[in-house]
Amino acid sequence: MSTPTRRFALALLAGLCACSLAQAQGAWPSRPIRMIVPLAAGSAVDNAARIVVQKMGQNVGQSIVIDNRPGAAGLIGAGEVAKAAPDGYTLGGFNDSIMTMLPNMHAKMPWDIVKDFEPVSLVATVEWGLVVPTDAPEKSAADLVAVARKSPGQVNYGSGGNGSPQHIAMALFASQAGVQMKHVPYKGATQAAMGVAGKEVDAAFQGIATVSALVKGGKLRLIGVTTPKRMPQFPDVPTVSESGLPGFEFNSWFAIMAPAGTPKEVVQRLSAEVAKALADPEVRDKLNAQGLTPRGTTPEELGTAMRAQLAKYGALIKANNITAE
């Protein structure tokens, strides 16, 4: 084969390969997608994920299956996402504890949140509340602070594990109030909520999405919300800020991440599908009903917010001496 002929053949082959690759990418998704949620079923992120991905799946014509992998405050499940093939068929439904808190608490992380993942979209923020058993004497955040001051170290609180958002929220609450409280870690947020309902622990900060049904069903009492203003869903419940701890606010994220190396076209498509799902009035109503605020961002916006939050929580965790051990 002459040199010009060989060059033509190679060019033709390269063109065919590029065309095949483009067609393969353009065909995404051609099979079901798995979203690993490194948190327990029934948690705020899990509830939000199920609402949003159901609509996304309908829109893209493929099912998106939630795979709950709780444990180690999210480290294990997130690691599975990091190791997955970067083909757009394995995603992570993460909270900001996994993304911006845990990396500030472990000297040796099994993965790097910046290097091992591709940001897709901030889907929603989870609004939070302070809960106690229904027959507890505390009616407000101020009451809880008063009891904790009277009995240092005797009031205990549940969380979804060391370094979980529940842990961070209550540790910051105790620090700002100047009280000592005992931390009782559970395997997940749902278990911690049930621990309060069962009077195993005295209180907990929880995502409203996690405890809304328990509160409305009379299993838990909501004594404060961590939003700047009272929530429309619970207009009679004061904010923590107005009822004992001025300026205290806290919320958490539900964000979608993909393994590093996932094709940019797929990441952009996923982000667009999130935005499309969140534009659906029924989806927004379902999220709002569970205490979640729909967001939707570009991958670049999520990446910027994530890095800023990493720095913010790094400073807070260091100042309050919070560890994951």
Protein backbone atom coordinates (compact mmCIF):
# COMPACT_ATOMS: atom_id res chain seq x y z
CA MET A 1 0.00 0.00 0.00
CA SER A 2 1.46 3.36 -1.01
CA THR A 3 2.05 6.07 1.57
CA PRO A 4 -0.82 8.34 0.36
CA THR A 5 -3.18 5.35 0.30
CA ARG A 6 -2.08 4.33 3.81
CA ARG A 7 -2.67 7.86 5.07
CA PHE A 8 -6.11 7.94 3.50
CA ALA A 9 -7.00 4.60 5.09
CA LEU A 10 -5.81 5.73 8.52
CA ALA A 11 -7.74 8.98 8.21
CA LEU A 12 -10.85 7.08 7.18
CA LEU A 13 -10.45 4.69 10.12
CA ALA A 14 -9.99 7.59 12.55
CA GLY A 15 -13.08 9.25 11.18
CA LEU A 16 -15.12 6.08 11.56
CA CYS A 17 -13.93 5.66 15.15
CA ALA A 18 -14.79 9.27 15.96
CA CYS A 19 -18.21 8.83 14.38
CA SER A 20 -18.82 5.62 16.33
CA LEU A 21 -17.78 7.32 19.58
CA ALA A 22 -20.05 10.27 18.89
CA GLN A 23 -22.91 7.93 18.13
CA ALA A 24 -22.26 5.97 21.33
CA GLN A 25 -22.21 9.15 23.39
CA GLY A 26 -25.26 10.46 21.60
CA ALA A 27 -27.10 7.24 22.46
CA TRP A 28 -26.71 7.82 26.19
CA PRO A 29 -28.59 6.56 28.08
CA SER A 30 -29.14 3.20 26.43
CA ARG A 31 -29.63 1.22 29.66
CA PRO A 32 -30.69 1.80 33.30
CA ILE A 33 -28.64 4.15 35.45
CA ARG A 34 -27.63 3.45 39.04
CA MET A 35 -27.49 6.25 41.60
CA ILE A 36 -25.58 5.29 44.74
CA VAL A 37 -26.88 7.15 47.80
CA PRO A 38 -24.34 6.57 50.59
CA LEU A 39 -27.05 7.18 53.19
CA ALA A 40 -29.91 5.17 54.65
CA ALA A 41 -33.27 4.81 52.93
CA GLY A 42 -35.66 7.41 54.30
CA SER A 43 -32.95 10.02 54.83
CA ALA A 44 -33.49 13.53 53.46
CA VAL A 45 -31.17 12.96 50.51
CA ASP A 46 -32.72 9.58 49.76
CA ASN A 47 -36.23 11.07 49.78
CA ALA A 48 -35.19 13.91 47.49
CA ALA A 49 -33.31 11.58 45.16
CA ARG A 50 -36.32 9.33 44.69
CA ILE A 51 -38.57 12.27 43.81
CA VAL A 52 -36.17 13.81 41.30
CA VAL A 53 -34.72 10.75 39.59
CA GLN A 54 -38.16 9.28 38.97
CA LYS A 55 -38.97 12.29 36.80
CA MET A 56 -35.50 12.27 35.23
CA GLY A 57 -35.92 8.61 34.34
CA GLN A 58 -39.27 9.29 32.72
CA ASN A 59 -37.76 12.12 30.71
CA VAL A 60 -34.71 10.20 29.44
CA GLY A 61 -36.57 6.96 28.84
CA GLN A 62 -34.47 4.84 31.22
CA SER A 63 -34.96 3.90 34.85
CA ILE A 64 -32.64 5.43 37.42
CA VAL A 65 -32.31 2.97 40.30
CA ILE A 66 -31.46 4.17 43.81
CA ASP A 67 -28.86 1.99 45.53
CA ASN A 68 -28.54 2.85 49.24
CA ARG A 69 -25.06 2.14 50.62
CA PRO A 70 -24.96 3.64 54.15
CA GLY A 71 -22.03 3.37 56.50
CA ALA A 72 -19.07 5.40 57.78
CA ALA A 73 -21.07 8.64 57.31
CA GLY A 74 -21.00 8.15 53.55
CA LEU A 75 -17.35 7.26 53.00
CA ILE A 76 -18.06 3.74 51.77
CA GLY A 77 -20.79 4.49 49.25
CA ALA A 78 -18.97 7.53 47.88
CA GLY A 79 -15.90 5.34 47.37
CA GLU A 80 -17.96 3.01 45.19
CA VAL A 81 -18.94 5.95 43.00
CA ALA A 82 -15.32 7.08 42.75
CA LYS A 83 -14.25 3.61 41.55
CA ALA A 84 -17.12 3.14 39.10
CA ALA A 85 -16.67 3.28 35.34
CA PRO A 86 -16.96 6.91 34.16
CA ASP A 87 -19.60 6.13 31.56
CA GLY A 88 -22.63 7.99 32.91
CA TYR A 89 -24.32 4.85 34.24
CA THR A 90 -23.19 5.21 37.86
CA LEU A 91 -23.91 8.43 39.74
CA GLY A 92 -23.70 9.57 43.35
CA GLY A 93 -26.47 11.28 45.30
CA PHE A 94 -24.43 13.08 47.98
CA ASN A 95 -25.07 15.42 50.86
CA ASP A 96 -22.64 18.19 51.74
CA SER A 97 -21.28 16.17 54.65
CA ILE A 98 -19.75 13.76 52.16
CA MET A 99 -18.59 16.56 49.89
CA THR A 100 -17.36 19.26 52.26
CA MET A 101 -17.35 18.06 55.90
CA LEU A 102 -15.75 14.61 55.94
CA PRO A 103 -12.79 15.68 53.80
CA ASN A 104 -11.97 18.18 56.56
CA MET A 105 -12.11 15.54 59.31
CA HIS A 106 -9.95 12.72 57.99
CA ALA A 107 -6.19 12.96 57.63
CA LYS A 108 -6.28 10.13 55.08
CA MET A 109 -9.29 10.03 52.80
CA PRO A 110 -9.94 6.98 50.57
CA TRP A 111 -10.92 9.38 47.77
CA ASP A 112 -10.51 13.04 46.82
CA ILE A 113 -13.77 14.94 46.39
CA VAL A 114 -12.19 17.34 43.88
CA LYS A 115 -10.05 14.91 41.87
CA ASP A 116 -12.16 11.74 41.89
CA PHE A 117 -15.58 13.19 41.00
CA GLU A 118 -17.27 15.34 38.38
CA PRO A 119 -19.86 17.82 39.73
CA VAL A 120 -23.23 17.53 37.96
CA SER A 121 -25.77 19.69 39.79
CA LEU A 122 -26.86 20.95 43.18
CA VAL A 123 -30.39 19.57 43.17
CA ALA A 124 -31.91 20.88 46.40
CA THR A 125 -31.09 22.17 49.81
CA VAL A 126 -32.44 20.29 52.80
CA GLU A 127 -33.94 22.52 55.47
CA TRP A 128 -33.39 21.39 59.05
CA GLY A 129 -35.17 21.22 62.38
CA LEU A 130 -34.52 20.40 66.03
CA VAL A 131 -36.60 17.47 67.31
CA VAL A 132 -37.25 15.90 70.71
CA PRO A 133 -39.55 13.08 71.91
CA THR A 134 -43.22 14.07 71.85
CA ASP A 135 -43.56 14.01 75.63
CA ALA A 136 -40.27 15.79 76.35
CA PRO A 137 -40.59 18.90 78.54
CA GLU A 138 -38.64 21.05 76.06
CA LYS A 139 -40.84 23.26 73.86
CA SER A 140 -38.12 25.36 72.23
CA ALA A 141 -34.40 25.56 71.51
CA ALA A 142 -34.08 27.85 74.53
CA ASP A 143 -35.54 25.12 76.75
CA LEU A 144 -32.99 22.59 75.46
CA VAL A 145 -30.15 25.03 76.09
CA ALA A 146 -31.43 25.66 79.63
CA VAL A 147 -31.52 21.94 80.43
CA ALA A 148 -28.05 21.41 78.96
CA ARG A 149 -26.65 24.27 81.04
CA LYS A 150 -28.21 22.87 84.19
CA SER A 151 -26.84 19.37 83.56
CA PRO A 152 -23.56 19.63 81.62
CA GLY A 153 -22.85 16.52 79.54
CA GLN A 154 -26.09 14.82 80.56
CA VAL A 155 -28.22 15.80 77.55
CA ASN A 156 -27.45 13.46 74.67
CA TYR A 157 -28.21 13.81 70.97
CA GLY A 158 -28.34 11.43 68.04
CA SER A 159 -26.70 11.75 64.66
CA GLY A 160 -26.22 9.77 61.47
CA GLY A 161 -22.62 9.04 62.46
CA ASN A 162 -19.38 10.78 63.32
CA GLY A 163 -18.92 13.70 60.96
CA SER A 164 -22.50 13.53 59.67
CA PRO A 165 -24.52 16.75 59.19
CA GLN A 166 -26.51 15.93 62.33
CA HIS A 167 -23.25 15.76 64.27
CA ILE A 168 -21.93 19.02 62.83
CA ALA A 169 -25.22 20.87 63.34
CA MET A 170 -25.57 19.93 67.02
CA ALA A 171 -21.88 20.40 67.77
CA LEU A 172 -22.09 23.92 66.36
CA PHE A 173 -25.32 24.50 68.29
CA ALA A 174 -23.69 23.39 71.55
CA SER A 175 -20.59 25.45 70.84
CA GLN A 176 -22.58 28.59 70.08
CA ALA A 177 -24.79 28.06 73.15
CA GLY A 178 -21.79 27.36 75.35
CA VAL A 179 -23.09 24.00 76.61
CA GLN A 180 -21.79 20.43 76.77
CA MET A 181 -23.86 17.65 75.20
CA LYS A 182 -23.17 13.97 74.63
CA HIS A 183 -22.99 12.68 71.05
CA VAL A 184 -24.58 9.30 70.23
CA PRO A 185 -23.80 8.24 66.63
CA TYR A 186 -26.18 5.95 64.73
CA LYS A 187 -25.70 4.17 61.41
CA GLY A 188 -27.82 6.73 59.56
CA ALA A 189 -30.08 9.75 59.89
CA THR A 190 -33.26 7.68 59.90
CA GLN A 191 -32.00 5.50 62.74
CA ALA A 192 -31.05 8.63 64.69
CA ALA A 193 -34.56 10.05 64.22
CA MET A 194 -36.06 6.81 65.46
CA GLY A 195 -33.66 6.96 68.39
CA VAL A 196 -35.24 10.26 69.42
CA ALA A 197 -38.75 8.91 68.88
CA GLY A 198 -37.87 5.89 71.03
CA LYS A 199 -36.35 8.10 73.76
CA GLU A 200 -32.90 6.53 73.34
CA VAL A 201 -31.56 10.07 72.97
CA ASP A 202 -32.91 13.44 74.04
CA ALA A 203 -32.73 15.42 70.82
CA ALA A 204 -31.35 15.67 67.30
CA PHE A 205 -31.00 18.03 64.41
CA GLN A 206 -32.53 16.42 61.33
CA GLY A 207 -33.45 17.28 57.78
CA ILE A 208 -37.14 18.16 57.68
CA ALA A 209 -37.53 15.63 54.88
CA THR A 210 -36.37 12.88 57.24
CA VAL A 211 -38.68 13.73 60.14
CA SER A 212 -41.68 15.45 58.56
CA ALA A 213 -43.85 12.33 58.59
CA LEU A 214 -42.79 11.46 62.16
CA VAL A 215 -43.63 14.99 63.32
CA LYS A 216 -47.01 15.04 61.60
CA GLY A 217 -47.70 11.53 62.89
CA GLY A 218 -47.04 12.56 66.49
CA LYS A 219 -43.89 10.47 66.88
CA LEU A 220 -41.58 13.49 67.29
CA ARG A 221 -41.95 17.10 68.40
CA LEU A 222 -40.35 19.78 66.23
CA ILE A 223 -39.20 22.59 68.53
CA GLY A 224 -37.20 24.72 66.10
CA VAL A 225 -36.21 25.15 62.45
CA THR A 226 -32.79 26.30 61.26
CA THR A 227 -34.02 28.53 58.43
CA PRO A 228 -33.74 32.35 58.59
CA LYS A 229 -37.56 32.59 58.68
CA ARG A 230 -40.30 30.24 59.82
CA MET A 231 -41.20 27.53 57.33
CA PRO A 232 -44.63 27.66 55.64
CA GLN A 233 -45.09 23.94 56.38
CA PHE A 234 -44.68 24.58 60.13
CA PRO A 235 -45.75 28.18 60.74
CA ASP A 236 -46.15 27.67 64.50
CA VAL A 237 -42.60 26.37 64.97
CA PRO A 238 -40.11 29.14 65.76
CA THR A 239 -36.67 29.36 64.22
CA VAL A 240 -33.78 28.35 66.44
CA SER A 241 -32.45 31.86 65.96
CA GLU A 242 -35.57 33.53 67.37
CA SER A 243 -36.06 31.04 70.20
CA GLY A 244 -32.72 30.82 71.92
CA LEU A 245 -29.69 31.05 69.66
CA PRO A 246 -29.63 34.30 67.63
CA GLY A 247 -28.06 33.98 64.19
CA PHE A 248 -28.00 30.17 64.14
CA GLU A 249 -28.74 28.78 60.65
CA PHE A 250 -28.02 25.42 59.04
CA ASN A 251 -29.02 23.50 55.94
CA SER A 252 -27.51 20.78 53.80
CA TRP A 253 -27.33 19.78 50.18
CA PHE A 254 -28.51 17.08 47.85
CA ALA A 255 -26.12 17.13 44.90
CA ILE A 256 -25.40 14.74 42.06
CA MET A 257 -21.80 13.77 41.33
CA ALA A 258 -20.30 11.44 38.73
CA PRO A 259 -16.99 9.56 38.63
CA ALA A 260 -14.06 11.61 37.36
CA GLY A 261 -13.62 11.20 33.63
CA THR A 262 -17.31 10.96 32.81
CA PRO A 263 -17.70 12.49 29.33
CA LYS A 264 -18.43 16.20 29.46
CA GLU A 265 -21.39 15.75 27.11
CA VAL A 266 -22.98 13.27 29.51
CA VAL A 267 -22.37 15.50 32.53
CA GLN A 268 -23.94 18.47 30.75
CA ARG A 269 -26.91 16.33 29.68
CA LEU A 270 -27.41 15.11 33.25
CA SER A 271 -27.32 18.68 34.56
CA ALA A 272 -29.89 19.71 31.97
CA GLU A 273 -32.11 16.78 32.92
CA VAL A 274 -31.95 17.81 36.59
CA ALA A 275 -33.08 21.32 35.62
CA LYS A 276 -35.87 19.88 33.48
CA ALA A 277 -37.10 17.66 36.33
CA LEU A 278 -37.00 20.54 38.82
CA ALA A 279 -39.08 22.68 36.46
CA ASP A 280 -41.95 20.24 36.85
CA PRO A 281 -44.53 21.71 39.29
CA GLU A 282 -45.34 18.31 40.78
CA VAL A 283 -41.67 17.64 41.55
CA ARG A 284 -41.27 21.06 43.14
CA ASP A 285 -44.41 20.59 45.24
CA LYS A 286 -43.21 17.19 46.48
CA LEU A 287 -39.81 18.60 47.42
CA ASN A 288 -41.32 21.62 49.16
CA ALA A 289 -43.72 19.40 51.09
CA GLN A 290 -40.74 17.58 52.59
CA GLY A 291 -38.85 20.69 53.58
CA LEU A 292 -36.56 20.83 50.56
CA THR A 293 -35.85 23.84 48.41
CA PRO A 294 -35.34 23.03 44.69
CA ARG A 295 -32.13 24.50 43.28
CA GLY A 296 -30.54 23.24 40.06
CA THR A 297 -27.11 24.45 38.95
CA THR A 298 -24.61 23.96 36.20
CA PRO A 299 -21.68 21.60 36.87
CA GLU A 300 -19.40 24.62 37.06
CA GLU A 301 -21.61 26.36 39.63
CA LEU A 302 -21.69 23.26 41.82
CA GLY A 303 -17.90 22.92 41.59
CA THR A 304 -17.43 26.52 42.69
CA ALA A 305 -19.90 26.19 45.57
CA MET A 306 -18.31 22.92 46.67
CA ARG A 307 -14.82 24.40 46.88
CA ALA A 308 -16.13 27.42 48.82
CA GLN A 309 -17.99 25.13 51.24
CA LEU A 310 -14.88 22.99 51.70
CA ALA A 311 -13.01 26.08 52.88
CA LYS A 312 -15.90 27.30 55.04
CA TYR A 313 -16.41 24.02 56.88
CA GLY A 314 -12.68 23.50 57.17
CA ALA A 315 -12.48 26.67 59.24
CA LEU A 316 -15.58 25.81 61.32
CA ILE A 317 -14.50 22.25 62.03
CA LYS A 318 -11.02 23.34 63.07
CA ALA A 319 -12.34 26.14 65.29
CA ASN A 320 -14.76 23.78 67.05
CA ASN A 321 -12.35 20.85 67.22
CA ILE A 322 -14.81 18.48 65.52
CA THR A 323 -13.44 15.10 64.44
CA ALA A 324 -14.89 12.06 62.73
CA GLU A 325 -13.42 9.68 65.29
